């Protein structure tokens, strides 16, 4: 666990709820970067500014749960 993770509070749970079909290529690639490339897949990710930025980009296709 790095300093950014400790500072921001650990992990967040992200679930894909929207389809990447007919979306811009960069949004599909962002989902893949988050480890979400199929519907209803859930990942637990470090709560860092980079991850938060990726989530913001695809916020209409994901559900976020903080611990």
PDB file of N, CA and C in Angstrom:
ATOM      1  N   UNK A   1       0.856  -1.178   0.000  1.00  0.00           N
ATOM      2  CA  UNK A   1       0.000   0.000   0.000  1.00  0.00           C
ATOM      3  C   UNK A   1       0.896   1.233   0.000  1.00  0.00           C
ATOM      4  N   UNK A   2       0.665   2.147  -0.939  1.00  0.00           N
ATOM      5  CA  UNK A   2       1.511   3.321  -1.034  1.00  0.00           C
ATOM      6  C   UNK A   2       0.928   4.498  -0.245  1.00  0.00           C
ATOM      7  N   UNK A   3       1.651   5.596  -0.240  1.00  0.00           N
ATOM      8  CA  UNK A   3       1.250   6.754   0.564  1.00  0.00           C
ATOM      9  C   UNK A   3      -0.069   7.357   0.093  1.00  0.00           C
ATOM     10  N   UNK A   4      -0.295   7.372  -1.225  1.00  0.00           N
ATOM     11  CA  UNK A   4      -1.545   7.940  -1.746  1.00  0.00           C
ATOM     12  C   UNK A   4      -2.748   7.126  -1.293  1.00  0.00           C
ATOM     13  N   UNK A   5      -2.602   5.815  -1.247  1.00  0.00           N
ATOM     14  CA  UNK A   5      -3.705   4.962  -0.813  1.00  0.00           C
ATOM     15  C   UNK A   5      -4.014   5.195   0.655  1.00  0.00           C
ATOM     16  N   UNK A   6      -2.987   5.292   1.477  1.00  0.00           N
ATOM     17  CA  UNK A   6      -3.199   5.529   2.904  1.00  0.00           C
ATOM     18  C   UNK A   6      -3.857   6.884   3.139  1.00  0.00           C
ATOM     19  N   UNK A   7      -3.432   7.881   2.364  1.00  0.00           N
ATOM     20  CA  UNK A   7      -3.960   9.228   2.529  1.00  0.00           C
ATOM     21  C   UNK A   7      -5.437   9.298   2.139  1.00  0.00           C
ATOM     22  N   UNK A   8      -5.813   8.650   1.043  1.00  0.00           N
ATOM     23  CA  UNK A   8      -7.176   8.751   0.527  1.00  0.00           C
ATOM     24  C   UNK A   8      -8.138   7.747   1.132  1.00  0.00           C
ATOM     25  N   UNK A   9      -7.667   6.796   1.899  1.00  0.00           N
ATOM     26  CA  UNK A   9      -8.586   5.945   2.613  1.00  0.00           C
ATOM     27  C   UNK A   9      -8.769   4.536   2.119  1.00  0.00           C
ATOM     28  N   UNK A  10      -7.889   3.999   1.303  1.00  0.00           N
ATOM     29  CA  UNK A  10      -7.986   2.584   1.005  1.00  0.00           C
ATOM     30  C   UNK A  10      -8.497   2.234  -0.364  1.00  0.00           C
ATOM     31  N   UNK A  11      -9.631   1.523  -0.388  1.00  0.00           N
ATOM     32  CA  UNK A  11     -10.113   0.990  -1.653  1.00  0.00           C
ATOM     33  C   UNK A  11     -11.553   1.414  -1.920  1.00  0.00           C
ATOM     34  N   UNK A  12     -11.933   1.303  -3.181  1.00  0.00           N
ATOM     35  CA  UNK A  12     -13.306   1.542  -3.594  1.00  0.00           C
ATOM     36  C   UNK A  12     -13.747   0.382  -4.474  1.00  0.00           C
ATOM     37  N   UNK A  13     -15.023   0.085  -4.431  1.00  0.00           N
ATOM     38  CA  UNK A  13     -15.579  -1.006  -5.228  1.00  0.00           C
ATOM     39  C   UNK A  13     -16.329  -0.392  -6.405  1.00  0.00           C
ATOM     40  N   UNK A  14     -15.967  -0.826  -7.622  1.00  0.00           N
ATOM     41  CA  UNK A  14     -16.551  -0.287  -8.842  1.00  0.00           C
ATOM     42  C   UNK A  14     -17.229  -1.418  -9.602  1.00  0.00           C
ATOM     43  N   UNK A  15     -18.487  -1.215  -9.994  1.00  0.00           N
ATOM     44  CA  UNK A  15     -19.248  -2.209 -10.743  1.00  0.00           C
ATOM     45  C   UNK A  15     -19.716  -1.594 -12.053  1.00  0.00           C
ATOM     46  N   UNK A  16     -19.513  -2.308 -13.151  1.00  0.00           N
ATOM     47  CA  UNK A  16     -19.980  -1.829 -14.447  1.00  0.00           C
ATOM     48  C   UNK A  16     -21.471  -2.100 -14.578  1.00  0.00           C
ATOM     49  N   UNK A  17     -22.241  -1.051 -14.863  1.00  0.00           N
ATOM     50  CA  UNK A  17     -23.689  -1.204 -15.012  1.00  0.00           C
ATOM     51  C   UNK A  17     -24.171  -0.783 -16.395  1.00  0.00           C
ATOM     52  N   UNK A  18     -23.284  -0.230 -17.212  1.00  0.00           N
ATOM     53  CA  UNK A  18     -23.663   0.204 -18.554  1.00  0.00           C
ATOM     54  C   UNK A  18     -22.806  -0.464 -19.604  1.00  0.00           C
ATOM     55  N   UNK A  19     -23.368  -0.621 -20.783  1.00  0.00           N
ATOM     56  CA  UNK A  19     -22.666  -1.283 -21.873  1.00  0.00           C
ATOM     57  C   UNK A  19     -21.742  -0.307 -22.596  1.00  0.00           C
ATOM     58  N   UNK A  20     -20.559  -0.768 -23.008  1.00  0.00           N
ATOM     59  CA  UNK A  20     -19.659   0.091 -23.771  1.00  0.00           C
ATOM     60  C   UNK A  20     -19.989   0.135 -25.265  1.00  0.00           C
ATOM     61  N   UNK A  21     -21.029  -0.573 -25.684  1.00  0.00           N
ATOM     62  CA  UNK A  21     -21.418  -0.538 -27.093  1.00  0.00           C
ATOM     63  C   UNK A  21     -21.863   0.865 -27.484  1.00  0.00           C
ATOM     64  N   UNK A  22     -21.478   1.278 -28.682  1.00  0.00           N
ATOM     65  CA  UNK A  22     -21.805   2.604 -29.222  1.00  0.00           C
ATOM     66  C   UNK A  22     -21.286   3.738 -28.345  1.00  0.00           C
ATOM     67  N   UNK A  23     -20.190   3.511 -27.670  1.00  0.00           N
ATOM     68  CA  UNK A  23     -19.530   4.550 -26.876  1.00  0.00           C
ATOM     69  C   UNK A  23     -18.210   4.892 -27.559  1.00  0.00           C
ATOM     70  N   UNK A  24     -17.663   6.061 -27.294  1.00  0.00           N
ATOM     71  CA  UNK A  24     -16.358   6.398 -27.863  1.00  0.00           C
ATOM     72  C   UNK A  24     -15.281   5.405 -27.421  1.00  0.00           C
ATOM     73  N   UNK A  25     -14.302   5.227 -28.280  1.00  0.00           N
ATOM     74  CA  UNK A  25     -13.238   4.249 -28.023  1.00  0.00           C
ATOM     75  C   UNK A  25     -12.507   4.542 -26.719  1.00  0.00           C
ATOM     76  N   UNK A  26     -12.290   5.815 -26.400  1.00  0.00           N
ATOM     77  CA  UNK A  26     -11.560   6.133 -25.173  1.00  0.00           C
ATOM     78  C   UNK A  26     -12.334   5.712 -23.925  1.00  0.00           C
ATOM     79  N   UNK A  27     -13.663   5.739 -23.977  1.00  0.00           N
ATOM     80  CA  UNK A  27     -14.443   5.271 -22.825  1.00  0.00           C
ATOM     81  C   UNK A  27     -14.349   3.757 -22.679  1.00  0.00           C
ATOM     82  N   UNK A  28     -14.367   3.032 -23.795  1.00  0.00           N
ATOM     83  CA  UNK A  28     -14.196   1.570 -23.737  1.00  0.00           C
ATOM     84  C   UNK A  28     -12.829   1.226 -23.166  1.00  0.00           C
ATOM     85  N   UNK A  29     -11.803   1.949 -23.598  1.00  0.00           N
ATOM     86  CA  UNK A  29     -10.455   1.689 -23.104  1.00  0.00           C
ATOM     87  C   UNK A  29     -10.329   2.030 -21.626  1.00  0.00           C
ATOM     88  N   UNK A  30     -11.038   3.035 -21.163  1.00  0.00           N
ATOM     89  CA  UNK A  30     -11.021   3.381 -19.743  1.00  0.00           C
ATOM     90  C   UNK A  30     -11.637   2.263 -18.914  1.00  0.00           C
ATOM     91  N   UNK A  31     -12.745   1.694 -19.388  1.00  0.00           N
ATOM     92  CA  UNK A  31     -13.346   0.555 -18.681  1.00  0.00           C
ATOM     93  C   UNK A  31     -12.370  -0.610 -18.601  1.00  0.00           C
ATOM     94  N   UNK A  32     -11.680  -0.892 -19.689  1.00  0.00           N
ATOM     95  CA  UNK A  32     -10.698  -1.977 -19.687  1.00  0.00           C
ATOM     96  C   UNK A  32      -9.572  -1.657 -18.715  1.00  0.00           C
ATOM     97  N   UNK A  33      -9.150  -0.392 -18.661  1.00  0.00           N
ATOM     98  CA  UNK A  33      -8.118   0.019 -17.719  1.00  0.00           C
ATOM     99  C   UNK A  33      -8.534  -0.169 -16.271  1.00  0.00           C
ATOM    100  N   UNK A  34      -9.823  -0.046 -16.018  1.00  0.00           N
ATOM    101  CA  UNK A  34     -10.347  -0.276 -14.670  1.00  0.00           C
ATOM    102  C   UNK A  34     -10.588  -1.760 -14.403  1.00  0.00           C
ATOM    103  N   UNK A  35     -10.429  -2.593 -15.427  1.00  0.00           N
ATOM    104  CA  UNK A  35     -10.673  -4.028 -15.269  1.00  0.00           C
ATOM    105  C   UNK A  35     -12.132  -4.391 -15.447  1.00  0.00           C
ATOM    106  N   UNK A  36     -12.883  -3.515 -16.083  1.00  0.00           N
ATOM    107  CA  UNK A  36     -14.313  -3.733 -16.286  1.00  0.00           C
ATOM    108  C   UNK A  36     -14.590  -3.795 -17.782  1.00  0.00           C
ATOM    109  N   UNK A  37     -14.684  -4.986 -18.327  1.00  0.00           N
ATOM    110  CA  UNK A  37     -14.981  -5.088 -19.748  1.00  0.00           C
ATOM    111  C   UNK A  37     -16.220  -5.921 -20.028  1.00  0.00           C
ATOM    112  N   UNK A  38     -16.938  -6.330 -18.988  1.00  0.00           N
ATOM    113  CA  UNK A  38     -18.194  -7.060 -19.154  1.00  0.00           C
ATOM    114  C   UNK A  38     -19.198  -6.526 -18.140  1.00  0.00           C
ATOM    115  N   UNK A  39     -20.451  -6.602 -18.510  1.00  0.00           N
ATOM    116  CA  UNK A  39     -21.516  -6.096 -17.649  1.00  0.00           C
ATOM    117  C   UNK A  39     -21.518  -6.791 -16.286  1.00  0.00           C
ATOM    118  N   UNK A  40     -21.808  -6.032 -15.251  1.00  0.00           N
ATOM    119  CA  UNK A  40     -21.958  -6.503 -13.872  1.00  0.00           C
ATOM    120  C   UNK A  40     -20.671  -7.060 -13.275  1.00  0.00           C
ATOM    121  N   UNK A  41     -19.544  -6.754 -13.862  1.00  0.00           N
ATOM    122  CA  UNK A  41     -18.259  -7.157 -13.291  1.00  0.00           C
ATOM    123  C   UNK A  41     -17.872  -6.133 -12.230  1.00  0.00           C
ATOM    124  N   UNK A  42     -17.344  -6.609 -11.122  1.00  0.00           N
ATOM    125  CA  UNK A  42     -16.972  -5.743  -9.999  1.00  0.00           C
ATOM    126  C   UNK A  42     -15.482  -5.866  -9.740  1.00  0.00           C
ATOM    127  N   UNK A  43     -14.849  -4.728  -9.459  1.00  0.00           N
ATOM    128  CA  UNK A  43     -13.437  -4.693  -9.105  1.00  0.00           C
ATOM    129  C   UNK A  43     -13.265  -3.855  -7.859  1.00  0.00           C
ATOM    130  N   UNK A  44     -12.313  -4.236  -7.034  1.00  0.00           N
ATOM    131  CA  UNK A  44     -11.941  -3.435  -5.876  1.00  0.00           C
ATOM    132  C   UNK A  44     -10.610  -2.781  -6.210  1.00  0.00           C
ATOM    133  N   UNK A  45     -10.594  -1.444  -6.256  1.00  0.00           N
ATOM    134  CA  UNK A  45      -9.437  -0.687  -6.711  1.00  0.00           C
ATOM    135  C   UNK A  45      -8.939   0.246  -5.618  1.00  0.00           C
ATOM    136  N   UNK A  46      -7.656   0.613  -5.714  1.00  0.00           N
ATOM    137  CA  UNK A  46      -7.093   1.588  -4.787  1.00  0.00           C
ATOM    138  C   UNK A  46      -7.751   2.945  -5.030  1.00  0.00           C
ATOM    139  N   UNK A  47      -7.986   3.668  -3.973  1.00  0.00           N
ATOM    140  CA  UNK A  47      -8.609   4.986  -4.073  1.00  0.00           C
ATOM    141  C   UNK A  47      -7.520   6.028  -4.290  1.00  0.00           C
ATOM    142  N   UNK A  48      -7.164   6.236  -5.559  1.00  0.00           N
ATOM    143  CA  UNK A  48      -6.140   7.209  -5.922  1.00  0.00           C
ATOM    144  C   UNK A  48      -6.753   8.246  -6.859  1.00  0.00           C
ATOM    145  N   UNK A  49      -6.112   9.393  -7.007  1.00  0.00           N
ATOM    146  CA  UNK A  49      -6.634  10.402  -7.933  1.00  0.00           C
ATOM    147  C   UNK A  49      -6.724   9.894  -9.374  1.00  0.00           C
ATOM    148  N   UNK A  50      -5.788   9.058  -9.799  1.00  0.00           N
ATOM    149  CA  UNK A  50      -5.826   8.520 -11.160  1.00  0.00           C
ATOM    150  C   UNK A  50      -7.052   7.635 -11.369  1.00  0.00           C
ATOM    151  N   UNK A  51      -7.334   6.775 -10.412  1.00  0.00           N
ATOM    152  CA  UNK A  51      -8.502   5.895 -10.509  1.00  0.00           C
ATOM    153  C   UNK A  51      -9.779   6.721 -10.447  1.00  0.00           C
ATOM    154  N   UNK A  52      -9.821   7.719  -9.576  1.00  0.00           N
ATOM    155  CA  UNK A  52     -11.000   8.583  -9.486  1.00  0.00           C
ATOM    156  C   UNK A  52     -11.248   9.313 -10.810  1.00  0.00           C
ATOM    157  N   UNK A  53     -10.176   9.733 -11.481  1.00  0.00           N
ATOM    158  CA  UNK A  53     -10.323  10.388 -12.779  1.00  0.00           C
ATOM    159  C   UNK A  53     -10.879   9.455 -13.833  1.00  0.00           C
ATOM    160  N   UNK A  54     -10.422   8.208 -13.822  1.00  0.00           N
ATOM    161  CA  UNK A  54     -10.941   7.220 -14.766  1.00  0.00           C
ATOM    162  C   UNK A  54     -12.418   6.946 -14.493  1.00  0.00           C
ATOM    163  N   UNK A  55     -12.777   6.840 -13.230  1.00  0.00           N
ATOM    164  CA  UNK A  55     -14.176   6.603 -12.868  1.00  0.00           C
ATOM    165  C   UNK A  55     -15.038   7.789 -13.310  1.00  0.00           C
ATOM    166  N   UNK A  56     -14.520   8.997 -13.139  1.00  0.00           N
ATOM    167  CA  UNK A  56     -15.275  10.186 -13.544  1.00  0.00           C
ATOM    168  C   UNK A  56     -15.566  10.173 -15.046  1.00  0.00           C
ATOM    169  N   UNK A  57     -14.620   9.683 -15.820  1.00  0.00           N
ATOM    170  CA  UNK A  57     -14.778   9.652 -17.269  1.00  0.00           C
ATOM    171  C   UNK A  57     -15.902   8.720 -17.707  1.00  0.00           C
ATOM    172  N   UNK A  58     -16.116   7.638 -16.967  1.00  0.00           N
ATOM    173  CA  UNK A  58     -17.148   6.656 -17.335  1.00  0.00           C
ATOM    174  C   UNK A  58     -18.223   6.567 -16.250  1.00  0.00           C
ATOM    175  N   UNK A  59     -18.464   7.653 -15.551  1.00  0.00           N
ATOM    176  CA  UNK A  59     -19.375   7.647 -14.402  1.00  0.00           C
ATOM    177  C   UNK A  59     -20.793   7.237 -14.771  1.00  0.00           C
ATOM    178  N   UNK A  60     -21.182   7.400 -16.030  1.00  0.00           N
ATOM    179  CA  UNK A  60     -22.517   7.010 -16.471  1.00  0.00           C
ATOM    180  C   UNK A  60     -22.634   5.507 -16.719  1.00  0.00           C
ATOM    181  N   UNK A  61     -21.511   4.775 -16.652  1.00  0.00           N
ATOM    182  CA  UNK A  61     -21.526   3.331 -16.902  1.00  0.00           C
ATOM    183  C   UNK A  61     -21.096   2.505 -15.699  1.00  0.00           C
ATOM    184  N   UNK A  62     -20.786   3.155 -14.576  1.00  0.00           N
ATOM    185  CA  UNK A  62     -20.311   2.417 -13.404  1.00  0.00           C
ATOM    186  C   UNK A  62     -21.048   2.857 -12.146  1.00  0.00           C
ATOM    187  N   UNK A  63     -21.047   1.975 -11.160  1.00  0.00           N
ATOM    188  CA  UNK A  63     -21.570   2.287  -9.825  1.00  0.00           C
ATOM    189  C   UNK A  63     -20.390   2.164  -8.864  1.00  0.00           C
ATOM    190  N   UNK A  64     -20.232   3.144  -7.978  1.00  0.00           N
ATOM    191  CA  UNK A  64     -19.096   3.187  -7.062  1.00  0.00           C
ATOM    192  C   UNK A  64     -19.593   3.036  -5.637  1.00  0.00           C
ATOM    193  N   UNK A  65     -18.939   2.153  -4.891  1.00  0.00           N
ATOM    194  CA  UNK A  65     -19.226   1.971  -3.470  1.00  0.00           C
ATOM    195  C   UNK A  65     -17.926   2.189  -2.712  1.00  0.00           C
ATOM    196  N   UNK A  66     -17.940   3.104  -1.751  1.00  0.00           N
ATOM    197  CA  UNK A  66     -16.747   3.344  -0.947  1.00  0.00           C
ATOM    198  C   UNK A  66     -16.836   2.546   0.339  1.00  0.00           C
ATOM    199  N   UNK A  67     -15.681   2.142   0.825  1.00  0.00           N
ATOM    200  CA  UNK A  67     -15.637   1.365   2.071  1.00  0.00           C
ATOM    201  C   UNK A  67     -15.575   2.266   3.275  1.00  0.00           C
TER     202      UNK A  67
END
